[in-house]
Amino acid sequence: MAESTAATGLTVQQWDDKFFVEHVQGNRFASDMGRTENSIIHIKEDLSGKKKGDSVTFALVNRLTGNGVENGATLEGNEEDMDSRSFKLTIKDRANGVRSSSWDNQISSIDLRKAAKMALQTWAMEDTRDRIITALGSINGVAYGTASEAQKDAWLADNADRVLFGAAKANNSSNDHSASLANIDNTADKLTSNAASLMKRMARTASPKIHPVRSEGDQRYFYVVYVPSLVFRDLKADATITQAQRDVSLRMQNNKLFRGGDIEWDGMIFKEIEDIGVISGAGAGSIDVAPVYFCGAQAVGYGVASRWKSEEELFDYKRKKGCAIMEMGGFEKMLFGSGSNDTDDLKDHGVLTGYFASVADA
């Protein structure tokens, strides 16, 4: 069992009684979490308290599309079938911990126990962020990096109305995922205002539609777009976007969905997420490409049985103290069936995935 010891450079010498932790990106998804269907990351805590189980179920009732009846026509027998779907999300038990001895805490110029708590809180924050990113990129519940080409092709066939390769729908090569990625080049297929508008039109005309999120402050409707850094760089260089950003911060500063550094344009809030990875060499001429996640309501589900909490424990006649942080929960992209049966032909409910050029700085 590993035990944390005081690093040589931290034992009491001429050092100030301070310590520094590695800078980490905060959880950029925190403002998009909520307990209602209007949230991008929908939290469901059905298993909290006395309820038992390892999964939670999200329900979807599709909108009615029938014509109804008019002018006294008989309604009985002409009622419309109300289509409902379900999505089951499995939770997991997650934990991490460290321990230190009284002696190491005595000779250290910092409080190792306090440092352990901060380090574990940071780990939990990063772990949450990374699981959300993994969920957004997953292929029917399988992490993108481990999904087979056959799984990716099947996913694309079911989600062709909510996947965009570069700046044109025509880049989709007969629902062949890798061939479609190979059509993305570093000239025409960067993320621009025109490509963003195309994603928005696709979201509105998809079947079923990807519904925007209603802002609690001003009751406006927005989509939120999570963009990796190099793709975000190209978006900021777009002349239309640059012009539109004047006074945006002042207008949006009280909006929960918006944070400083975000780009707001045409009912879309673009958020830079530096931890979204690139797909190396997959584009035209073996350029790197990267996914962009265009999100509406209920893009990701977060099932919770027990929220993050810390615990302490004494060992070895109270000479050693351990600190741990733990959670019972799980993140998954919301998937609802579009076929004849409940879970046939799964579709990404609240996410449109775009792939764009992501070439490194020269």
Protein backbone atom coordinates (compact mmCIF):
# COMPACT_ATOMS: atom_id res chain seq x y z
CA MET A 1 0.00 0.00 0.00
CA ALA A 2 1.46 3.36 -1.06
CA GLU A 3 1.97 5.96 1.66
CA SER A 4 2.55 9.67 1.08
CA THR A 5 5.82 10.88 2.54
CA ALA A 6 7.27 14.34 2.84
CA ALA A 7 9.34 15.27 -0.19
CA THR A 8 12.94 16.16 0.64
CA GLY A 9 12.46 19.72 -0.56
CA LEU A 10 9.52 20.22 1.78
CA THR A 11 11.14 19.25 5.07
CA VAL A 12 11.68 22.13 7.45
CA GLN A 13 14.53 24.31 6.19
CA GLN A 14 14.48 27.87 4.93
CA TRP A 15 11.18 27.38 3.15
CA ASP A 16 8.06 29.43 3.62
CA ASP A 17 5.19 27.42 5.06
CA LYS A 18 3.27 27.42 1.79
CA PHE A 19 2.78 24.98 -0.99
CA PHE A 20 1.72 25.17 -4.58
CA VAL A 21 -0.51 22.79 -6.44
CA GLU A 22 -0.47 22.29 -10.16
CA HIS A 23 -2.83 24.60 -11.98
CA VAL A 24 -5.77 22.66 -13.31
CA GLN A 25 -8.70 23.68 -15.39
CA GLY A 26 -11.86 24.14 -13.37
CA ASN A 27 -14.96 22.20 -14.18
CA ARG A 28 -16.19 24.15 -17.19
CA PHE A 29 -19.36 22.11 -17.25
CA ALA A 30 -20.62 23.12 -13.79
CA SER A 31 -22.89 25.92 -15.03
CA ASP A 32 -24.59 23.54 -17.47
CA MET A 33 -25.73 21.02 -14.85
CA GLY A 34 -29.24 20.99 -13.43
CA ARG A 35 -32.09 18.81 -12.22
CA THR A 36 -34.62 19.63 -14.94
CA GLU A 37 -35.15 18.59 -18.54
CA ASN A 38 -33.99 22.11 -19.50
CA SER A 39 -30.42 21.31 -18.44
CA ILE A 40 -27.65 20.25 -20.81
CA ILE A 41 -26.35 17.84 -18.16
CA HIS A 42 -29.47 16.47 -16.50
CA ILE A 43 -28.87 15.34 -12.91
CA LYS A 44 -31.10 12.56 -11.61
CA GLU A 45 -30.75 11.60 -7.94
CA ASP A 46 -33.39 8.88 -7.72
CA LEU A 47 -30.99 6.56 -5.89
CA SER A 48 -30.08 9.07 -3.19
CA GLY A 49 -31.31 8.28 0.29
CA LYS A 50 -32.93 4.89 0.91
CA LYS A 51 -33.48 3.76 -2.67
CA LYS A 52 -31.27 0.91 -3.83
CA GLY A 53 -29.96 -0.03 -7.26
CA ASP A 54 -27.14 0.50 -9.74
CA SER A 55 -28.99 2.43 -12.44
CA VAL A 56 -31.43 5.27 -13.05
CA THR A 57 -33.88 5.56 -15.93
CA PHE A 58 -34.58 8.73 -17.89
CA ALA A 59 -37.89 8.92 -19.75
CA LEU A 60 -38.72 10.68 -23.00
CA VAL A 61 -42.19 11.43 -24.31
CA ASN A 62 -42.06 12.48 -27.95
CA ARG A 63 -44.18 15.34 -29.21
CA LEU A 64 -47.52 14.66 -30.85
CA THR A 65 -47.52 15.07 -34.64
CA GLY A 66 -51.09 14.15 -35.63
CA ASN A 67 -53.64 16.48 -37.23
CA GLY A 68 -56.37 16.11 -34.59
CA VAL A 69 -60.02 16.50 -35.55
CA GLU A 70 -62.14 19.51 -36.49
CA ASN A 71 -65.73 20.69 -36.66
CA GLY A 72 -67.30 18.04 -34.45
CA ALA A 73 -65.61 15.07 -36.06
CA THR A 74 -65.44 12.01 -33.85
CA LEU A 75 -62.33 11.96 -31.68
CA GLU A 76 -63.00 8.58 -30.07
CA GLY A 77 -61.04 5.97 -31.97
CA ASN A 78 -58.91 8.63 -33.66
CA GLU A 79 -56.67 9.40 -30.72
CA GLU A 80 -52.95 9.64 -31.42
CA ASP A 81 -50.43 7.16 -30.06
CA MET A 82 -48.14 8.94 -27.60
CA ASP A 83 -44.65 7.57 -28.21
CA SER A 84 -42.44 7.21 -25.13
CA ARG A 85 -38.84 6.01 -24.79
CA SER A 86 -36.47 5.14 -21.96
CA PHE A 87 -32.73 5.42 -21.31
CA LYS A 88 -31.04 3.44 -18.56
CA LEU A 89 -27.88 4.91 -17.02
CA THR A 90 -25.63 2.71 -14.87
CA ILE A 91 -23.77 4.23 -11.94
CA LYS A 92 -20.39 3.26 -10.50
CA ASP A 93 -18.62 3.58 -7.19
CA ARG A 94 -15.50 5.79 -7.50
CA ALA A 95 -12.93 6.72 -4.87
CA ASN A 96 -9.35 7.85 -4.37
CA GLY A 97 -7.33 8.41 -1.22
CA VAL A 98 -3.94 9.15 0.35
CA ARG A 99 -2.44 8.59 3.80
CA SER A 100 0.42 10.15 5.73
CA SER A 101 2.10 9.48 9.07
CA SER A 102 2.34 11.75 12.10
CA TRP A 103 6.11 11.82 11.67
CA ASP A 104 6.02 12.98 8.06
CA ASN A 105 3.50 15.63 8.99
CA GLN A 106 5.82 16.71 11.83
CA ILE A 107 8.89 17.20 9.62
CA SER A 108 7.06 18.70 6.65
CA SER A 109 6.86 22.45 6.23
CA ILE A 110 3.30 22.05 4.94
CA ASP A 111 0.25 20.35 6.39
CA LEU A 112 0.21 17.10 4.43
CA ARG A 113 -3.31 16.28 5.55
CA LYS A 114 -4.66 19.61 4.37
CA ALA A 115 -2.73 19.25 1.13
CA ALA A 116 -4.20 15.79 0.64
CA LYS A 117 -7.74 17.14 0.87
CA MET A 118 -7.00 19.82 -1.71
CA ALA A 119 -5.33 17.33 -4.03
CA LEU A 120 -8.27 14.95 -3.76
CA GLN A 121 -10.78 17.73 -4.43
CA THR A 122 -8.81 18.66 -7.54
CA TRP A 123 -8.73 15.01 -8.61
CA ALA A 124 -12.50 14.76 -8.22
CA MET A 125 -13.02 17.92 -10.27
CA GLU A 126 -10.79 16.64 -13.07
CA ASP A 127 -12.37 13.20 -12.93
CA THR A 128 -15.84 14.71 -13.33
CA ARG A 129 -14.69 16.85 -16.25
CA ASP A 130 -13.01 13.93 -18.02
CA ARG A 131 -16.02 11.63 -17.63
CA ILE A 132 -18.30 14.27 -19.18
CA ILE A 133 -15.94 14.64 -22.16
CA THR A 134 -15.78 10.86 -22.56
CA ALA A 135 -19.58 10.65 -22.45
CA LEU A 136 -20.00 13.37 -25.10
CA GLY A 137 -17.70 11.56 -27.52
CA SER A 138 -18.95 8.05 -26.83
CA ILE A 139 -20.35 5.76 -29.51
CA ASN A 140 -23.57 4.25 -28.14
CA GLY A 141 -22.04 4.01 -24.68
CA VAL A 142 -18.56 2.93 -25.82
CA ALA A 143 -15.66 5.36 -25.36
CA TYR A 144 -14.66 6.79 -28.76
CA GLY A 145 -11.06 5.61 -28.48
CA THR A 146 -12.08 1.99 -27.96
CA ALA A 147 -15.05 1.84 -30.35
CA SER A 148 -14.53 -0.26 -33.48
CA GLU A 149 -14.95 1.10 -37.00
CA ALA A 150 -18.07 -1.05 -37.36
CA GLN A 151 -19.55 0.52 -34.21
CA LYS A 152 -18.71 4.02 -35.45
CA ASP A 153 -20.29 3.33 -38.85
CA ALA A 154 -23.47 1.96 -37.25
CA TRP A 155 -23.66 4.98 -34.94
CA LEU A 156 -23.20 7.34 -37.91
CA ALA A 157 -25.92 5.61 -39.89
CA ASP A 158 -28.42 6.15 -37.06
CA ASN A 159 -27.20 9.70 -36.35
CA ALA A 160 -26.48 11.02 -39.85
CA ASP A 161 -28.86 13.92 -39.25
CA ARG A 162 -26.82 15.01 -36.19
CA VAL A 163 -23.21 14.50 -37.32
CA LEU A 164 -21.28 17.00 -39.48
CA PHE A 165 -17.85 16.46 -41.00
CA GLY A 166 -16.22 19.83 -41.64
CA ALA A 167 -18.17 22.60 -43.31
CA ALA A 168 -20.42 20.55 -45.60
CA LYS A 169 -22.94 17.76 -45.15
CA ALA A 170 -21.58 16.27 -48.37
CA ASN A 171 -18.40 15.30 -46.51
CA ASN A 172 -20.32 12.33 -45.10
CA SER A 173 -19.10 9.45 -47.28
CA SER A 174 -22.05 7.06 -47.24
CA ASN A 175 -21.97 6.83 -43.44
CA ASP A 176 -18.40 5.52 -43.44
CA HIS A 177 -16.93 7.23 -40.38
CA SER A 178 -13.21 7.06 -41.20
CA ALA A 179 -13.76 7.93 -44.88
CA SER A 180 -15.84 10.94 -43.83
CA LEU A 181 -13.10 12.14 -41.48
CA ALA A 182 -10.63 11.87 -44.36
CA ASN A 183 -12.67 14.46 -46.30
CA ILE A 184 -11.88 17.19 -43.73
CA ASP A 185 -9.12 19.55 -44.91
CA ASN A 186 -7.35 22.48 -43.31
CA THR A 187 -8.73 25.10 -45.70
CA ALA A 188 -12.46 24.66 -46.09
CA ASP A 189 -13.22 22.63 -42.99
CA LYS A 190 -12.27 24.83 -40.06
CA LEU A 191 -14.98 25.86 -37.60
CA THR A 192 -16.41 29.18 -38.83
CA SER A 193 -19.61 31.14 -38.34
CA ASN A 194 -21.04 29.52 -41.49
CA ALA A 195 -20.26 26.02 -40.23
CA ALA A 196 -21.78 26.88 -36.83
CA SER A 197 -24.96 28.12 -38.54
CA LEU A 198 -25.13 24.85 -40.48
CA MET A 199 -24.91 22.88 -37.23
CA LYS A 200 -27.74 24.97 -35.80
CA ARG A 201 -29.94 24.34 -38.84
CA MET A 202 -29.19 20.63 -38.64
CA ALA A 203 -30.13 20.59 -34.95
CA ARG A 204 -33.46 22.26 -35.70
CA THR A 205 -34.35 19.97 -38.60
CA ALA A 206 -33.04 16.70 -37.13
CA SER A 207 -35.55 14.01 -36.27
CA PRO A 208 -36.13 14.23 -33.40
CA LYS A 209 -35.03 17.85 -33.02
CA ILE A 210 -32.27 18.89 -30.64
CA HIS A 211 -34.00 21.36 -28.35
CA PRO A 212 -32.15 24.45 -27.11
CA VAL A 213 -31.79 25.39 -23.45
CA ARG A 214 -33.89 28.22 -22.02
CA SER A 215 -31.89 30.80 -20.09
CA GLU A 216 -33.30 31.33 -16.61
CA GLY A 217 -32.35 35.00 -16.57
CA ASP A 218 -33.83 36.45 -19.76
CA GLN A 219 -35.83 33.43 -21.03
CA ARG A 220 -33.86 33.35 -24.27
CA TYR A 221 -33.01 30.06 -25.96
CA PHE A 222 -29.44 28.91 -26.52
CA TYR A 223 -27.40 26.00 -27.70
CA VAL A 224 -24.06 25.43 -25.96
CA VAL A 225 -21.11 24.31 -28.08
CA TYR A 226 -18.05 22.71 -26.46
CA VAL A 227 -14.99 23.41 -28.59
CA PRO A 228 -11.38 22.17 -28.24
CA SER A 229 -8.67 24.83 -28.11
CA LEU A 230 -7.26 24.68 -31.65
CA VAL A 231 -10.72 24.66 -33.19
CA PHE A 232 -11.72 27.53 -30.88
CA ARG A 233 -8.68 29.43 -32.18
CA ASP A 234 -10.00 29.18 -35.75
CA LEU A 235 -13.50 30.23 -34.70
CA LYS A 236 -12.18 33.37 -33.01
CA ALA A 237 -10.39 34.32 -36.24
CA ASP A 238 -13.66 34.36 -38.20
CA ALA A 239 -14.49 37.97 -39.13
CA THR A 240 -18.20 37.59 -38.42
CA ILE A 241 -17.53 36.20 -34.97
CA THR A 242 -14.96 38.90 -34.18
CA GLN A 243 -17.40 41.66 -35.10
CA ALA A 244 -20.23 40.10 -33.09
CA GLN A 245 -18.26 39.92 -29.84
CA ARG A 246 -18.38 43.64 -29.15
CA ASP A 247 -20.27 44.26 -25.90
CA VAL A 248 -21.24 40.59 -25.61
CA SER A 249 -19.62 40.23 -22.18
CA LEU A 250 -21.61 43.14 -20.76
CA ARG A 251 -24.86 41.80 -22.17
CA MET A 252 -24.27 38.21 -21.07
CA GLN A 253 -22.46 38.65 -17.75
CA ASN A 254 -25.54 37.78 -15.67
CA ASN A 255 -26.40 34.72 -17.75
CA LYS A 256 -25.62 31.47 -15.93
CA LEU A 257 -24.68 29.76 -19.19
CA PHE A 258 -22.02 32.34 -20.08
CA ARG A 259 -18.55 32.79 -18.62
CA GLY A 260 -15.79 35.20 -19.48
CA GLY A 261 -13.89 33.98 -22.52
CA ASP A 262 -16.94 32.32 -24.06
CA ILE A 263 -18.19 33.39 -27.49
CA GLU A 264 -21.89 34.16 -27.90
CA TRP A 265 -23.37 34.43 -31.36
CA ASP A 266 -26.71 33.75 -33.02
CA GLY A 267 -28.21 31.83 -30.12
CA MET A 268 -25.09 29.73 -29.55
CA ILE A 269 -22.59 29.94 -26.69
CA PHE A 270 -19.18 28.51 -27.61
CA LYS A 271 -17.08 27.30 -24.69
CA GLU A 272 -13.40 26.41 -25.00
CA ILE A 273 -12.67 23.01 -23.45
CA GLU A 274 -8.94 22.45 -23.70
CA ASP A 275 -9.15 18.81 -22.61
CA ILE A 276 -11.14 17.61 -25.62
CA GLY A 277 -8.60 15.54 -27.51
CA VAL A 278 -7.70 15.52 -31.19
CA ILE A 279 -8.03 12.58 -33.58
CA SER A 280 -4.51 12.38 -34.91
CA GLY A 281 -3.95 12.12 -38.66
CA ALA A 282 -7.55 11.29 -39.52
CA GLY A 283 -8.20 14.19 -41.94
CA ALA A 284 -7.23 14.92 -45.53
CA GLY A 285 -3.47 14.80 -45.96
CA SER A 286 -3.27 13.16 -42.51
CA ILE A 287 -4.13 16.39 -40.69
CA ASP A 288 -5.47 16.25 -37.15
CA VAL A 289 -9.18 16.76 -36.61
CA ALA A 290 -11.16 17.22 -33.41
CA PRO A 291 -14.78 16.84 -32.31
CA VAL A 292 -17.06 19.74 -31.44
CA TYR A 293 -20.12 18.99 -29.31
CA PHE A 294 -23.16 21.10 -30.20
CA CYS A 295 -25.51 20.57 -27.26
CA GLY A 296 -29.11 21.19 -26.41
CA ALA A 297 -31.24 20.06 -23.48
CA GLN A 298 -30.54 16.63 -21.97
CA ALA A 299 -27.32 16.06 -23.86
CA VAL A 300 -25.78 14.12 -20.97
CA GLY A 301 -27.33 12.31 -18.03
CA TYR A 302 -25.75 12.29 -14.59
CA GLY A 303 -27.13 9.59 -12.33
CA VAL A 304 -26.25 10.07 -8.67
CA ALA A 305 -26.61 7.75 -5.71
CA SER A 306 -24.08 9.56 -3.52
CA ARG A 307 -22.39 12.87 -4.30
CA TRP A 308 -18.69 13.46 -3.84
CA LYS A 309 -17.77 13.38 -0.15
CA SER A 310 -14.58 13.04 1.87
CA GLU A 311 -13.79 10.63 4.69
CA GLU A 312 -10.88 10.30 7.12
CA GLU A 313 -9.56 7.19 8.88
CA LEU A 314 -6.84 6.49 11.44
CA PHE A 315 -4.37 3.58 11.16
CA ASP A 316 -1.45 2.08 13.08
CA TYR A 317 -2.42 3.20 16.62
CA LYS A 318 -3.49 6.59 15.25
CA ARG A 319 0.04 7.26 13.98
CA LYS A 320 -1.17 7.42 10.38
CA LYS A 321 -4.15 9.21 8.91
CA GLY A 322 -5.84 8.56 5.61
CA CYS A 323 -8.08 10.87 3.63
CA ALA A 324 -10.33 9.72 0.80
CA ILE A 325 -12.90 11.19 -1.54
CA MET A 326 -15.68 9.11 -3.06
CA GLU A 327 -18.81 9.18 -5.19
CA MET A 328 -21.48 6.86 -6.53
CA GLY A 329 -22.58 8.16 -9.90
CA GLY A 330 -22.17 8.01 -13.63
CA PHE A 331 -22.21 10.19 -16.74
CA GLU A 332 -23.53 8.99 -20.08
CA LYS A 333 -24.67 10.65 -23.28
CA MET A 334 -28.45 10.45 -23.41
CA LEU A 335 -29.59 7.91 -26.01
CA PHE A 336 -33.18 7.25 -27.03
CA GLY A 337 -34.43 4.78 -29.62
CA SER A 338 -35.90 5.96 -32.92
CA GLY A 339 -37.01 2.55 -34.24
CA SER A 340 -40.14 0.50 -33.73
CA ASN A 341 -39.08 -0.77 -30.29
CA ASP A 342 -38.01 1.26 -27.26
CA THR A 343 -34.24 1.11 -27.74
CA ASP A 344 -33.95 0.34 -31.48
CA ASP A 345 -31.80 2.65 -33.64
CA LEU A 346 -30.39 4.74 -30.81
CA LYS A 347 -29.87 8.45 -31.39
CA ASP A 348 -27.83 11.00 -29.46
CA HIS A 349 -30.73 12.86 -27.91
CA GLY A 350 -29.25 16.28 -27.21
CA VAL A 351 -25.90 16.30 -29.05
CA LEU A 352 -24.90 17.11 -32.61
CA THR A 353 -21.26 16.14 -33.19
CA GLY A 354 -19.12 18.14 -35.60
CA TYR A 355 -15.59 17.22 -36.70
CA PHE A 356 -13.28 20.03 -37.82
CA ALA A 357 -9.66 20.66 -38.74
CA SER A 358 -7.44 20.93 -35.66
CA VAL A 359 -3.97 21.66 -36.97
CA ALA A 360 -1.35 22.67 -34.42
CA ASP A 361 0.18 26.14 -34.40
CA ALA A 362 3.17 26.53 -36.69
